[in-house]
Amino acid sequence: MATSAEVKFVFVVVLAVVGHNVNATTEITCERVTMLLSPCISYGVMGGVVAPGCCEGLKALDDAEKSTEDRQAACTCVKNGASMIPGLDYDRVNELPGLCGTTCPYRVTPDLDCSKQIVKV
């Protein structure tokens, strides 16, 4: 099991790697996604109590996904970032929206196809 220091180190690495804009036409950047969801990493790796800020980050990300481009960009950032976190339990990650009283339009998995994520108006 990862220690708190290891989780923090992984967060910094993920931020450095995915901290760029996925698509220049979107409002969502990987840096923003990483900042919003970083409080959720410890739960995704170690379980336990959902950290303060995790639910607010999930809700803010859900609110920010106003267009198909934004949703696909956020999805890509989440998928790529999650793939770099050793020991991440995808089942725990997918429990978070329910625990936080919000929604996520997709299940986070290693083979998630973000091109299929659309916003219906």
PDB file of N, CA and C in Angstrom:
ATOM      1  N   MET A   1       0.853  -1.177   0.000  1.00  0.00           N
ATOM      2  CA  MET A   1       0.000   0.000   0.000  1.00  0.00           C
ATOM      3  C   MET A   1       0.898   1.240   0.000  1.00  0.00           C
ATOM      4  N   ALA A   2       0.499   2.243  -0.752  1.00  0.00           N
ATOM      5  CA  ALA A   2       1.276   3.471  -0.865  1.00  0.00           C
ATOM      6  C   ALA A   2       1.142   4.318   0.394  1.00  0.00           C
ATOM      7  N   THR A   3       2.239   4.968   0.742  1.00  0.00           N
ATOM      8  CA  THR A   3       2.201   5.886   1.876  1.00  0.00           C
ATOM      9  C   THR A   3       1.696   7.241   1.399  1.00  0.00           C
ATOM     10  N   SER A   4       1.367   8.092   2.346  1.00  0.00           N
ATOM     11  CA  SER A   4       0.891   9.432   2.011  1.00  0.00           C
ATOM     12  C   SER A   4       1.943  10.200   1.213  1.00  0.00           C
ATOM     13  N   ALA A   5       3.202  10.054   1.573  1.00  0.00           N
ATOM     14  CA  ALA A   5       4.278  10.743   0.858  1.00  0.00           C
ATOM     15  C   ALA A   5       4.378  10.243  -0.581  1.00  0.00           C
ATOM     16  N   GLU A   6       4.202   8.930  -0.778  1.00  0.00           N
ATOM     17  CA  GLU A   6       4.250   8.382  -2.129  1.00  0.00           C
ATOM     18  C   GLU A   6       3.092   8.904  -2.970  1.00  0.00           C
ATOM     19  N   VAL A   7       1.924   8.996  -2.372  1.00  0.00           N
ATOM     20  CA  VAL A   7       0.755   9.511  -3.085  1.00  0.00           C
ATOM     21  C   VAL A   7       0.994  10.960  -3.490  1.00  0.00           C
ATOM     22  N   LYS A   8       1.549  11.769  -2.597  1.00  0.00           N
ATOM     23  CA  LYS A   8       1.834  13.172  -2.913  1.00  0.00           C
ATOM     24  C   LYS A   8       2.867  13.277  -4.034  1.00  0.00           C
ATOM     25  N   PHE A   9       3.893  12.422  -3.993  1.00  0.00           N
ATOM     26  CA  PHE A   9       4.910  12.428  -5.036  1.00  0.00           C
ATOM     27  C   PHE A   9       4.285  12.092  -6.389  1.00  0.00           C
ATOM     28  N   VAL A  10       3.443  11.066  -6.413  1.00  0.00           N
ATOM     29  CA  VAL A  10       2.778  10.670  -7.649  1.00  0.00           C
ATOM     30  C   VAL A  10       1.927  11.817  -8.176  1.00  0.00           C
ATOM     31  N   PHE A  11       1.233  12.529  -7.289  1.00  0.00           N
ATOM     32  CA  PHE A  11       0.420  13.670  -7.704  1.00  0.00           C
ATOM     33  C   PHE A  11       1.279  14.706  -8.414  1.00  0.00           C
ATOM     34  N   VAL A  12       2.443  15.016  -7.874  1.00  0.00           N
ATOM     35  CA  VAL A  12       3.329  16.013  -8.478  1.00  0.00           C
ATOM     36  C   VAL A  12       3.778  15.543  -9.860  1.00  0.00           C
ATOM     37  N   VAL A  13       4.111  14.267  -9.985  1.00  0.00           N
ATOM     38  CA  VAL A  13       4.529  13.724 -11.276  1.00  0.00           C
ATOM     39  C   VAL A  13       3.381  13.795 -12.279  1.00  0.00           C
ATOM     40  N   VAL A  14       2.193  13.394 -11.853  1.00  0.00           N
ATOM     41  CA  VAL A  14       1.027  13.438 -12.741  1.00  0.00           C
ATOM     42  C   VAL A  14       0.761  14.868 -13.188  1.00  0.00           C
ATOM     43  N   LEU A  15       0.816  15.811 -12.271  1.00  0.00           N
ATOM     44  CA  LEU A  15       0.590  17.214 -12.614  1.00  0.00           C
ATOM     45  C   LEU A  15       1.615  17.686 -13.641  1.00  0.00           C
ATOM     46  N   ALA A  16       2.864  17.296 -13.470  1.00  0.00           N
ATOM     47  CA  ALA A  16       3.908  17.715 -14.401  1.00  0.00           C
ATOM     48  C   ALA A  16       3.700  17.118 -15.792  1.00  0.00           C
ATOM     49  N   VAL A  17       3.248  15.874 -15.841  1.00  0.00           N
ATOM     50  CA  VAL A  17       3.093  15.196 -17.122  1.00  0.00           C
ATOM     51  C   VAL A  17       1.830  15.621 -17.855  1.00  0.00           C
ATOM     52  N   VAL A  18       0.708  15.749 -17.139  1.00  0.00           N
ATOM     53  CA  VAL A  18      -0.554  16.047 -17.819  1.00  0.00           C
ATOM     54  C   VAL A  18      -0.990  17.488 -17.627  1.00  0.00           C
ATOM     55  N   GLY A  19      -0.132  18.337 -17.166  1.00  0.00           N
ATOM     56  CA  GLY A  19      -0.510  19.708 -16.862  1.00  0.00           C
ATOM     57  C   GLY A  19      -0.559  20.624 -18.060  1.00  0.00           C
ATOM     58  N   HIS A  20      -0.943  20.098 -19.202  1.00  0.00           N
ATOM     59  CA  HIS A  20      -1.083  20.932 -20.395  1.00  0.00           C
ATOM     60  C   HIS A  20      -2.502  20.839 -20.919  1.00  0.00           C
ATOM     61  N   ASN A  21      -2.838  21.734 -21.800  1.00  0.00           N
ATOM     62  CA  ASN A  21      -4.184  21.742 -22.380  1.00  0.00           C
ATOM     63  C   ASN A  21      -4.282  20.625 -23.411  1.00  0.00           C
ATOM     64  N   VAL A  22      -5.317  19.797 -23.306  1.00  0.00           N
ATOM     65  CA  VAL A  22      -5.503  18.688 -24.224  1.00  0.00           C
ATOM     66  C   VAL A  22      -5.896  19.181 -25.602  1.00  0.00           C
ATOM     67  N   ASN A  23      -6.747  20.171 -25.661  1.00  0.00           N
ATOM     68  CA  ASN A  23      -7.283  20.663 -26.917  1.00  0.00           C
ATOM     69  C   ASN A  23      -7.423  22.179 -26.768  1.00  0.00           C
ATOM     70  N   ALA A  24      -6.843  22.898 -27.672  1.00  0.00           N
ATOM     71  CA  ALA A  24      -6.817  24.358 -27.536  1.00  0.00           C
ATOM     72  C   ALA A  24      -8.198  24.997 -27.574  1.00  0.00           C
ATOM     73  N   THR A  25      -9.225  24.278 -28.034  1.00  0.00           N
ATOM     74  CA  THR A  25     -10.560  24.865 -28.120  1.00  0.00           C
ATOM     75  C   THR A  25     -11.392  24.629 -26.865  1.00  0.00           C
ATOM     76  N   THR A  26     -10.856  23.943 -25.889  1.00  0.00           N
ATOM     77  CA  THR A  26     -11.624  23.651 -24.680  1.00  0.00           C
ATOM     78  C   THR A  26     -11.286  24.627 -23.572  1.00  0.00           C
ATOM     79  N   GLU A  27     -12.183  24.707 -22.623  1.00  0.00           N
ATOM     80  CA  GLU A  27     -11.965  25.525 -21.433  1.00  0.00           C
ATOM     81  C   GLU A  27     -11.261  24.726 -20.342  1.00  0.00           C
ATOM     82  N   ILE A  28     -11.272  23.409 -20.469  1.00  0.00           N
ATOM     83  CA  ILE A  28     -10.724  22.532 -19.433  1.00  0.00           C
ATOM     84  C   ILE A  28      -9.295  22.151 -19.785  1.00  0.00           C
ATOM     85  N   THR A  29      -8.399  22.322 -18.831  1.00  0.00           N
ATOM     86  CA  THR A  29      -7.015  21.901 -19.008  1.00  0.00           C
ATOM     87  C   THR A  29      -6.735  20.732 -18.077  1.00  0.00           C
ATOM     88  N   CYS A  30      -5.728  19.940 -18.425  1.00  0.00           N
ATOM     89  CA  CYS A  30      -5.346  18.833 -17.550  1.00  0.00           C
ATOM     90  C   CYS A  30      -4.835  19.358 -16.213  1.00  0.00           C
ATOM     91  N   GLU A  31      -4.208  20.508 -16.230  1.00  0.00           N
ATOM     92  CA  GLU A  31      -3.745  21.093 -14.973  1.00  0.00           C
ATOM     93  C   GLU A  31      -4.934  21.370 -14.051  1.00  0.00           C
ATOM     94  N   ARG A  32      -5.996  21.923 -14.608  1.00  0.00           N
ATOM     95  CA  ARG A  32      -7.191  22.208 -13.794  1.00  0.00           C
ATOM     96  C   ARG A  32      -7.826  20.911 -13.289  1.00  0.00           C
ATOM     97  N   VAL A  33      -7.948  19.919 -14.168  1.00  0.00           N
ATOM     98  CA  VAL A  33      -8.519  18.629 -13.766  1.00  0.00           C
ATOM     99  C   VAL A  33      -7.695  18.025 -12.634  1.00  0.00           C
ATOM    100  N   THR A  34      -6.386  18.055 -12.777  1.00  0.00           N
ATOM    101  CA  THR A  34      -5.507  17.488 -11.753  1.00  0.00           C
ATOM    102  C   THR A  34      -5.660  18.224 -10.432  1.00  0.00           C
ATOM    103  N   MET A  35      -5.737  19.543 -10.486  1.00  0.00           N
ATOM    104  CA  MET A  35      -5.905  20.313  -9.249  1.00  0.00           C
ATOM    105  C   MET A  35      -7.252  20.006  -8.588  1.00  0.00           C
ATOM    106  N   LEU A  36      -8.313  19.883  -9.390  1.00  0.00           N
ATOM    107  CA  LEU A  36      -9.632  19.601  -8.834  1.00  0.00           C
ATOM    108  C   LEU A  36      -9.705  18.213  -8.208  1.00  0.00           C
ATOM    109  N   LEU A  37      -9.047  17.249  -8.831  1.00  0.00           N
ATOM    110  CA  LEU A  37      -9.197  15.864  -8.387  1.00  0.00           C
ATOM    111  C   LEU A  37      -8.071  15.359  -7.493  1.00  0.00           C
ATOM    112  N   SER A  38      -7.022  16.144  -7.305  1.00  0.00           N
ATOM    113  CA  SER A  38      -5.904  15.683  -6.471  1.00  0.00           C
ATOM    114  C   SER A  38      -6.322  15.275  -5.062  1.00  0.00           C
ATOM    115  N   PRO A  39      -7.314  15.921  -4.440  1.00  0.00           N
ATOM    116  CA  PRO A  39      -7.712  15.459  -3.109  1.00  0.00           C
ATOM    117  C   PRO A  39      -8.328  14.054  -3.117  1.00  0.00           C
ATOM    118  N   CYS A  40      -8.677  13.547  -4.282  1.00  0.00           N
ATOM    119  CA  CYS A  40      -9.307  12.223  -4.390  1.00  0.00           C
ATOM    120  C   CYS A  40      -8.287  11.093  -4.522  1.00  0.00           C
ATOM    121  N   ILE A  41      -7.035  11.418  -4.811  1.00  0.00           N
ATOM    122  CA  ILE A  41      -6.036  10.389  -5.090  1.00  0.00           C
ATOM    123  C   ILE A  41      -5.834   9.448  -3.910  1.00  0.00           C
ATOM    124  N   SER A  42      -5.740   9.978  -2.706  1.00  0.00           N
ATOM    125  CA  SER A  42      -5.476   9.098  -1.561  1.00  0.00           C
ATOM    126  C   SER A  42      -6.603   8.088  -1.372  1.00  0.00           C
ATOM    127  N   TYR A  43      -7.854   8.492  -1.602  1.00  0.00           N
ATOM    128  CA  TYR A  43      -8.966   7.539  -1.493  1.00  0.00           C
ATOM    129  C   TYR A  43      -8.856   6.486  -2.596  1.00  0.00           C
ATOM    130  N   GLY A  44      -8.518   6.909  -3.788  1.00  0.00           N
ATOM    131  CA  GLY A  44      -8.393   5.980  -4.906  1.00  0.00           C
ATOM    132  C   GLY A  44      -7.301   4.953  -4.716  1.00  0.00           C
ATOM    133  N   VAL A  45      -6.261   5.308  -3.977  1.00  0.00           N
ATOM    134  CA  VAL A  45      -5.144   4.392  -3.745  1.00  0.00           C
ATOM    135  C   VAL A  45      -5.312   3.617  -2.448  1.00  0.00           C
ATOM    136  N   MET A  46      -5.657   4.310  -1.374  1.00  0.00           N
ATOM    137  CA  MET A  46      -5.643   3.686  -0.049  1.00  0.00           C
ATOM    138  C   MET A  46      -7.017   3.441   0.548  1.00  0.00           C
ATOM    139  N   GLY A  47      -8.070   4.033  -0.017  1.00  0.00           N
ATOM    140  CA  GLY A  47      -9.399   3.888   0.569  1.00  0.00           C
ATOM    141  C   GLY A  47      -9.523   4.759   1.802  1.00  0.00           C
ATOM    142  N   GLY A  48     -10.371   4.355   2.729  1.00  0.00           N
ATOM    143  CA  GLY A  48     -10.557   5.118   3.962  1.00  0.00           C
ATOM    144  C   GLY A  48     -11.575   6.221   3.784  1.00  0.00           C
ATOM    145  N   VAL A  49     -11.264   7.359   4.343  1.00  0.00           N
ATOM    146  CA  VAL A  49     -12.170   8.507   4.316  1.00  0.00           C
ATOM    147  C   VAL A  49     -11.867   9.362   3.087  1.00  0.00           C
ATOM    148  N   VAL A  50     -12.919   9.848   2.450  1.00  0.00           N
ATOM    149  CA  VAL A  50     -12.744  10.748   1.305  1.00  0.00           C
ATOM    150  C   VAL A  50     -12.209  12.078   1.830  1.00  0.00           C
ATOM    151  N   ALA A  51     -11.083  12.519   1.275  1.00  0.00           N
ATOM    152  CA  ALA A  51     -10.410  13.734   1.741  1.00  0.00           C
ATOM    153  C   ALA A  51     -11.263  14.974   1.489  1.00  0.00           C
ATOM    154  N   PRO A  52     -11.133  15.966   2.386  1.00  0.00           N
ATOM    155  CA  PRO A  52     -11.817  17.242   2.152  1.00  0.00           C
ATOM    156  C   PRO A  52     -11.368  17.810   0.796  1.00  0.00           C
ATOM    157  N   GLY A  53     -12.266  18.354   0.086  1.00  0.00           N
ATOM    158  CA  GLY A  53     -11.949  18.931  -1.217  1.00  0.00           C
ATOM    159  C   GLY A  53     -12.211  17.992  -2.383  1.00  0.00           C
ATOM    160  N   CYS A  54     -12.219  16.695  -2.136  1.00  0.00           N
ATOM    161  CA  CYS A  54     -12.447  15.734  -3.220  1.00  0.00           C
ATOM    162  C   CYS A  54     -13.836  15.933  -3.823  1.00  0.00           C
ATOM    163  N   CYS A  55     -14.849  15.956  -2.991  1.00  0.00           N
ATOM    164  CA  CYS A  55     -16.227  16.095  -3.493  1.00  0.00           C
ATOM    165  C   CYS A  55     -16.432  17.439  -4.182  1.00  0.00           C
ATOM    166  N   GLU A  56     -15.858  18.498  -3.629  1.00  0.00           N
ATOM    167  CA  GLU A  56     -15.977  19.806  -4.261  1.00  0.00           C
ATOM    168  C   GLU A  56     -15.315  19.791  -5.636  1.00  0.00           C
ATOM    169  N   GLY A  57     -14.172  19.123  -5.732  1.00  0.00           N
ATOM    170  CA  GLY A  57     -13.474  19.014  -7.014  1.00  0.00           C
ATOM    171  C   GLY A  57     -14.273  18.238  -8.045  1.00  0.00           C
ATOM    172  N   LEU A  58     -14.867  17.125  -7.613  1.00  0.00           N
ATOM    173  CA  LEU A  58     -15.705  16.338  -8.523  1.00  0.00           C
ATOM    174  C   LEU A  58     -16.887  17.159  -9.026  1.00  0.00           C
ATOM    175  N   LYS A  59     -17.533  17.873  -8.115  1.00  0.00           N
ATOM    176  CA  LYS A  59     -18.689  18.692  -8.495  1.00  0.00           C
ATOM    177  C   LYS A  59     -18.271  19.827  -9.434  1.00  0.00           C
ATOM    178  N   ALA A  60     -17.146  20.450  -9.152  1.00  0.00           N
ATOM    179  CA  ALA A  60     -16.660  21.539 -10.004  1.00  0.00           C
ATOM    180  C   ALA A  60     -16.322  21.026 -11.402  1.00  0.00           C
ATOM    181  N   LEU A  61     -15.724  19.842 -11.480  1.00  0.00           N
ATOM    182  CA  LEU A  61     -15.400  19.278 -12.787  1.00  0.00           C
ATOM    183  C   LEU A  61     -16.674  18.940 -13.551  1.00  0.00           C
ATOM    184  N   ASP A  62     -17.642  18.344 -12.874  1.00  0.00           N
ATOM    185  CA  ASP A  62     -18.920  18.026 -13.522  1.00  0.00           C
ATOM    186  C   ASP A  62     -19.577  19.304 -14.055  1.00  0.00           C
ATOM    187  N   ASP A  63     -19.553  20.366 -13.273  1.00  0.00           N
ATOM    188  CA  ASP A  63     -20.134  21.648 -13.692  1.00  0.00           C
ATOM    189  C   ASP A  63     -19.385  22.266 -14.877  1.00  0.00           C
ATOM    190  N   ALA A  64     -18.076  22.009 -14.964  1.00  0.00           N
ATOM    191  CA  ALA A  64     -17.253  22.614 -16.012  1.00  0.00           C
ATOM    192  C   ALA A  64     -17.400  21.919 -17.362  1.00  0.00           C
ATOM    193  N   GLU A  65     -17.916  20.707 -17.359  1.00  0.00           N
ATOM    194  CA  GLU A  65     -18.037  19.943 -18.601  1.00  0.00           C
ATOM    195  C   GLU A  65     -19.310  20.358 -19.346  1.00  0.00           C
ATOM    196  N   LYS A  66     -19.292  21.556 -19.921  1.00  0.00           N
ATOM    197  CA  LYS A  66     -20.483  22.123 -20.554  1.00  0.00           C
ATOM    198  C   LYS A  66     -20.611  21.763 -22.032  1.00  0.00           C
ATOM    199  N   SER A  67     -19.526  21.388 -22.659  1.00  0.00           N
ATOM    200  CA  SER A  67     -19.558  21.039 -24.078  1.00  0.00           C
ATOM    201  C   SER A  67     -18.961  19.647 -24.266  1.00  0.00           C
ATOM    202  N   THR A  68     -19.207  19.077 -25.438  1.00  0.00           N
ATOM    203  CA  THR A  68     -18.622  17.775 -25.754  1.00  0.00           C
ATOM    204  C   THR A  68     -17.102  17.860 -25.718  1.00  0.00           C
ATOM    205  N   GLU A  69     -16.544  18.955 -26.234  1.00  0.00           N
ATOM    206  CA  GLU A  69     -15.089  19.120 -26.236  1.00  0.00           C
ATOM    207  C   GLU A  69     -14.543  19.148 -24.813  1.00  0.00           C
ATOM    208  N   ASP A  70     -15.234  19.871 -23.931  1.00  0.00           N
ATOM    209  CA  ASP A  70     -14.798  19.932 -22.531  1.00  0.00           C
ATOM    210  C   ASP A  70     -14.877  18.562 -21.871  1.00  0.00           C
ATOM    211  N   ARG A  71     -15.971  17.853 -22.110  1.00  0.00           N
ATOM    212  CA  ARG A  71     -16.130  16.528 -21.497  1.00  0.00           C
ATOM    213  C   ARG A  71     -15.051  15.571 -21.996  1.00  0.00           C
ATOM    214  N   GLN A  72     -14.779  15.594 -23.294  1.00  0.00           N
ATOM    215  CA  GLN A  72     -13.759  14.706 -23.844  1.00  0.00           C
ATOM    216  C   GLN A  72     -12.369  15.073 -23.336  1.00  0.00           C
ATOM    217  N   ALA A  73     -12.107  16.368 -23.209  1.00  0.00           N
ATOM    218  CA  ALA A  73     -10.812  16.807 -22.683  1.00  0.00           C
ATOM    219  C   ALA A  73     -10.647  16.369 -21.234  1.00  0.00           C
ATOM    220  N   ALA A  74     -11.674  16.580 -20.424  1.00  0.00           N
ATOM    221  CA  ALA A  74     -11.609  16.167 -19.017  1.00  0.00           C
ATOM    222  C   ALA A  74     -11.447  14.661 -18.911  1.00  0.00           C
ATOM    223  N   CYS A  75     -12.199  13.924 -19.704  1.00  0.00           N
ATOM    224  CA  CYS A  75     -12.121  12.464 -19.710  1.00  0.00           C
ATOM    225  C   CYS A  75     -10.699  12.007 -20.036  1.00  0.00           C
ATOM    226  N   THR A  76     -10.105  12.597 -21.060  1.00  0.00           N
ATOM    227  CA  THR A  76      -8.743  12.233 -21.453  1.00  0.00           C
ATOM    228  C   THR A  76      -7.752  12.528 -20.334  1.00  0.00           C
ATOM    229  N   CYS A  77      -7.905  13.676 -19.695  1.00  0.00           N
ATOM    230  CA  CYS A  77      -7.023  14.028 -18.580  1.00  0.00           C
ATOM    231  C   CYS A  77      -7.171  13.038 -17.426  1.00  0.00           C
ATOM    232  N   VAL A  78      -8.415  12.706 -17.092  1.00  0.00           N
ATOM    233  CA  VAL A  78      -8.673  11.771 -15.994  1.00  0.00           C
ATOM    234  C   VAL A  78      -8.092  10.404 -16.333  1.00  0.00           C
ATOM    235  N   LYS A  79      -8.360   9.920 -17.536  1.00  0.00           N
ATOM    236  CA  LYS A  79      -7.874   8.597 -17.949  1.00  0.00           C
ATOM    237  C   LYS A  79      -6.349   8.545 -17.932  1.00  0.00           C
ATOM    238  N   ASN A  80      -5.701   9.534 -18.543  1.00  0.00           N
ATOM    239  CA  ASN A  80      -4.239   9.547 -18.598  1.00  0.00           C
ATOM    240  C   ASN A  80      -3.619   9.721 -17.220  1.00  0.00           C
ATOM    241  N   GLY A  81      -4.189  10.609 -16.419  1.00  0.00           N
ATOM    242  CA  GLY A  81      -3.673  10.813 -15.068  1.00  0.00           C
ATOM    243  C   GLY A  81      -3.824   9.572 -14.216  1.00  0.00           C
ATOM    244  N   ALA A  82      -4.984   8.929 -14.296  1.00  0.00           N
ATOM    245  CA  ALA A  82      -5.236   7.718 -13.504  1.00  0.00           C
ATOM    246  C   ALA A  82      -4.258   6.612 -13.871  1.00  0.00           C
ATOM    247  N   SER A  83      -3.911   6.516 -15.145  1.00  0.00           N
ATOM    248  CA  SER A  83      -3.006   5.450 -15.587  1.00  0.00           C
ATOM    249  C   SER A  83      -1.605   5.597 -15.002  1.00  0.00           C
ATOM    250  N   MET A  84      -1.264   6.779 -14.521  1.00  0.00           N
ATOM    251  CA  MET A  84       0.069   7.023 -13.962  1.00  0.00           C
ATOM    252  C   MET A  84       0.132   6.876 -12.449  1.00  0.00           C
ATOM    253  N   ILE A  85      -0.970   6.535 -11.816  1.00  0.00           N
ATOM    254  CA  ILE A  85      -0.989   6.435 -10.356  1.00  0.00           C
ATOM    255  C   ILE A  85      -0.874   4.970  -9.956  1.00  0.00           C
ATOM    256  N   PRO A  86       0.297   4.563  -9.447  1.00  0.00           N
ATOM    257  CA  PRO A  86       0.475   3.167  -9.047  1.00  0.00           C
ATOM    258  C   PRO A  86      -0.484   2.798  -7.916  1.00  0.00           C
ATOM    259  N   GLY A  87      -1.091   1.636  -8.037  1.00  0.00           N
ATOM    260  CA  GLY A  87      -1.968   1.146  -6.981  1.00  0.00           C
ATOM    261  C   GLY A  87      -3.360   1.738  -6.994  1.00  0.00           C
ATOM    262  N   LEU A  88      -3.705   2.502  -8.019  1.00  0.00           N
ATOM    263  CA  LEU A  88      -5.036   3.107  -8.082  1.00  0.00           C
ATOM    264  C   LEU A  88      -6.083   2.014  -8.255  1.00  0.00           C
ATOM    265  N   ASP A  89      -7.106   2.055  -7.428  1.00  0.00           N
ATOM    266  CA  ASP A  89      -8.208   1.098  -7.485  1.00  0.00           C
ATOM    267  C   ASP A  89      -9.362   1.768  -8.233  1.00  0.00           C
ATOM    268  N   TYR A  90      -9.584   1.344  -9.465  1.00  0.00           N
ATOM    269  CA  TYR A  90     -10.615   1.962 -10.298  1.00  0.00           C
ATOM    270  C   TYR A  90     -12.008   1.794  -9.706  1.00  0.00           C
ATOM    271  N   ASP A  91     -12.252   0.704  -8.988  1.00  0.00           N
ATOM    272  CA  ASP A  91     -13.557   0.541  -8.335  1.00  0.00           C
ATOM    273  C   ASP A  91     -13.780   1.645  -7.308  1.00  0.00           C
ATOM    274  N   ARG A  92     -12.739   1.960  -6.527  1.00  0.00           N
ATOM    275  CA  ARG A  92     -12.854   3.058  -5.553  1.00  0.00           C
ATOM    276  C   ARG A  92     -13.084   4.385  -6.261  1.00  0.00           C
ATOM    277  N   VAL A  93     -12.338   4.618  -7.322  1.00  0.00           N
ATOM    278  CA  VAL A  93     -12.482   5.865  -8.082  1.00  0.00           C
ATOM    279  C   VAL A  93     -13.927   6.031  -8.548  1.00  0.00           C
ATOM    280  N   ASN A  94     -14.518   4.961  -9.032  1.00  0.00           N
ATOM    281  CA  ASN A  94     -15.879   5.031  -9.563  1.00  0.00           C
ATOM    282  C   ASN A  94     -16.944   5.085  -8.481  1.00  0.00           C
ATOM    283  N   GLU A  95     -16.573   4.847  -7.226  1.00  0.00           N
ATOM    284  CA  GLU A  95     -17.492   5.021  -6.094  1.00  0.00           C
ATOM    285  C   GLU A  95     -17.628   6.494  -5.709  1.00  0.00           C
ATOM    286  N   LEU A  96     -16.626   7.282  -6.022  1.00  0.00           N
ATOM    287  CA  LEU A  96     -16.564   8.659  -5.530  1.00  0.00           C
ATOM    288  C   LEU A  96     -17.769   9.530  -5.894  1.00  0.00           C
ATOM    289  N   PRO A  97     -18.244   9.530  -7.134  1.00  0.00           N
ATOM    290  CA  PRO A  97     -19.412  10.384  -7.417  1.00  0.00           C
ATOM    291  C   PRO A  97     -20.600  10.064  -6.514  1.00  0.00           C
ATOM    292  N   GLY A  98     -20.874   8.795  -6.288  1.00  0.00           N
ATOM    293  CA  GLY A  98     -21.977   8.414  -5.404  1.00  0.00           C
ATOM    294  C   GLY A  98     -21.738   8.840  -3.972  1.00  0.00           C
ATOM    295  N   LEU A  99     -20.507   8.676  -3.502  1.00  0.00           N
ATOM    296  CA  LEU A  99     -20.168   9.086  -2.139  1.00  0.00           C
ATOM    297  C   LEU A  99     -20.274  10.596  -1.971  1.00  0.00           C
ATOM    298  N   CYS A 100     -20.037  11.315  -3.063  1.00  0.00           N
ATOM    299  CA  CYS A 100     -20.037  12.780  -3.013  1.00  0.00           C
ATOM    300  C   CYS A 100     -21.373  13.399  -3.408  1.00  0.00           C
ATOM    301  N   GLY A 101     -22.331  12.582  -3.782  1.00  0.00           N
ATOM    302  CA  GLY A 101     -23.632  13.123  -4.161  1.00  0.00           C
ATOM    303  C   GLY A 101     -23.611  13.884  -5.473  1.00  0.00           C
ATOM    304  N   THR A 102     -22.773  13.444  -6.395  1.00  0.00           N
ATOM    305  CA  THR A 102     -22.705  14.076  -7.711  1.00  0.00           C
ATOM    306  C   THR A 102     -22.701  12.982  -8.765  1.00  0.00           C
ATOM    307  N   THR A 103     -22.501  13.358  -9.997  1.00  0.00           N
ATOM    308  CA  THR A 103     -22.480  12.378 -11.071  1.00  0.00           C
ATOM    309  C   THR A 103     -21.175  12.469 -11.840  1.00  0.00           C
ATOM    310  N   CYS A 104     -20.881  11.396 -12.538  1.00  0.00           N
ATOM    311  CA  CYS A 104     -19.782  11.386 -13.494  1.00  0.00           C
ATOM    312  C   CYS A 104     -20.349  10.701 -14.729  1.00  0.00           C
ATOM    313  N   PRO A 105     -20.241  11.319 -15.892  1.00  0.00           N
ATOM    314  CA  PRO A 105     -20.879  10.763 -17.085  1.00  0.00           C
ATOM    315  C   PRO A 105     -20.190   9.516 -17.643  1.00  0.00           C
ATOM    316  N   TYR A 106     -19.084   9.098 -17.059  1.00  0.00           N
ATOM    317  CA  TYR A 106     -18.367   7.921 -17.542  1.00  0.00           C
ATOM    318  C   TYR A 106     -17.736   7.178 -16.372  1.00  0.00           C
ATOM    319  N   ARG A 107     -17.540   5.860 -16.569  1.00  0.00           N
ATOM    320  CA  ARG A 107     -16.801   5.050 -15.598  1.00  0.00           C
ATOM    321  C   ARG A 107     -15.334   5.132 -15.982  1.00  0.00           C
ATOM    322  N   VAL A 108     -14.496   5.474 -15.033  1.00  0.00           N
ATOM    323  CA  VAL A 108     -13.068   5.580 -15.288  1.00  0.00           C
ATOM    324  C   VAL A 108     -12.491   4.169 -15.320  1.00  0.00           C
ATOM    325  N   THR A 109     -11.911   3.814 -16.462  1.00  0.00           N
ATOM    326  CA  THR A 109     -11.257   2.521 -16.649  1.00  0.00           C
ATOM    327  C   THR A 109     -10.025   2.742 -17.515  1.00  0.00           C
ATOM    328  N   PRO A 110      -9.085   1.804 -17.495  1.00  0.00           N
ATOM    329  CA  PRO A 110      -7.902   1.969 -18.345  1.00  0.00           C
ATOM    330  C   PRO A 110      -8.231   2.022 -19.839  1.00  0.00           C
ATOM    331  N   ASP A 111      -9.334   1.413 -20.250  1.00  0.00           N
ATOM    332  CA  ASP A 111      -9.677   1.393 -21.673  1.00  0.00           C
ATOM    333  C   ASP A 111     -10.844   2.317 -22.031  1.00  0.00           C
ATOM    334  N   LEU A 112     -11.101   3.306 -21.210  1.00  0.00           N
ATOM    335  CA  LEU A 112     -12.172   4.273 -21.448  1.00  0.00           C
ATOM    336  C   LEU A 112     -11.960   4.974 -22.791  1.00  0.00           C
ATOM    337  N   ASP A 113     -12.995   5.007 -23.631  1.00  0.00           N
ATOM    338  CA  ASP A 113     -12.940   5.684 -24.926  1.00  0.00           C
ATOM    339  C   ASP A 113     -13.554   7.076 -24.769  1.00  0.00           C
ATOM    340  N   CYS A 114     -12.706   8.051 -24.580  1.00  0.00           N
ATOM    341  CA  CYS A 114     -13.181   9.413 -24.312  1.00  0.00           C
ATOM    342  C   CYS A 114     -13.834  10.058 -25.532  1.00  0.00           C
ATOM    343  N   SER A 115     -13.556   9.554 -26.720  1.00  0.00           N
ATOM    344  CA  SER A 115     -14.175  10.132 -27.919  1.00  0.00           C
ATOM    345  C   SER A 115     -15.681   9.879 -27.957  1.00  0.00           C
ATOM    346  N   LYS A 116     -16.160   8.953 -27.158  1.00  0.00           N
ATOM    347  CA  LYS A 116     -17.599   8.645 -27.117  1.00  0.00           C
ATOM    348  C   LYS A 116     -18.350   9.472 -26.076  1.00  0.00           C
ATOM    349  N   GLN A 117     -17.644  10.330 -25.367  1.00  0.00           N
ATOM    350  CA  GLN A 117     -18.279  11.154 -24.331  1.00  0.00           C
ATOM    351  C   GLN A 117     -18.834  12.420 -24.962  1.00  0.00           C
ATOM    352  N   ILE A 118     -20.151  12.534 -24.978  1.00  0.00           N
ATOM    353  CA  ILE A 118     -20.783  13.706 -25.583  1.00  0.00           C
ATOM    354  C   ILE A 118     -21.724  14.369 -24.583  1.00  0.00           C
ATOM    355  N   VAL A 119     -21.908  15.650 -24.773  1.00  0.00           N
ATOM    356  CA  VAL A 119     -22.858  16.408 -23.960  1.00  0.00           C
ATOM    357  C   VAL A 119     -24.106  16.582 -24.803  1.00  0.00           C
ATOM    358  N   LYS A 120     -25.215  16.098 -24.297  1.00  0.00           N
ATOM    359  CA  LYS A 120     -26.483  16.247 -25.019  1.00  0.00           C
ATOM    360  C   LYS A 120     -27.143  17.542 -24.576  1.00  0.00           C
ATOM    361  N   VAL A 121     -27.522  18.340 -25.553  1.00  0.00           N
ATOM    362  CA  VAL A 121     -28.156  19.613 -25.242  1.00  0.00           C
ATOM    363  C   VAL A 121     -29.635  19.582 -25.490  1.00  0.00           C
TER     364      VAL A 121
END
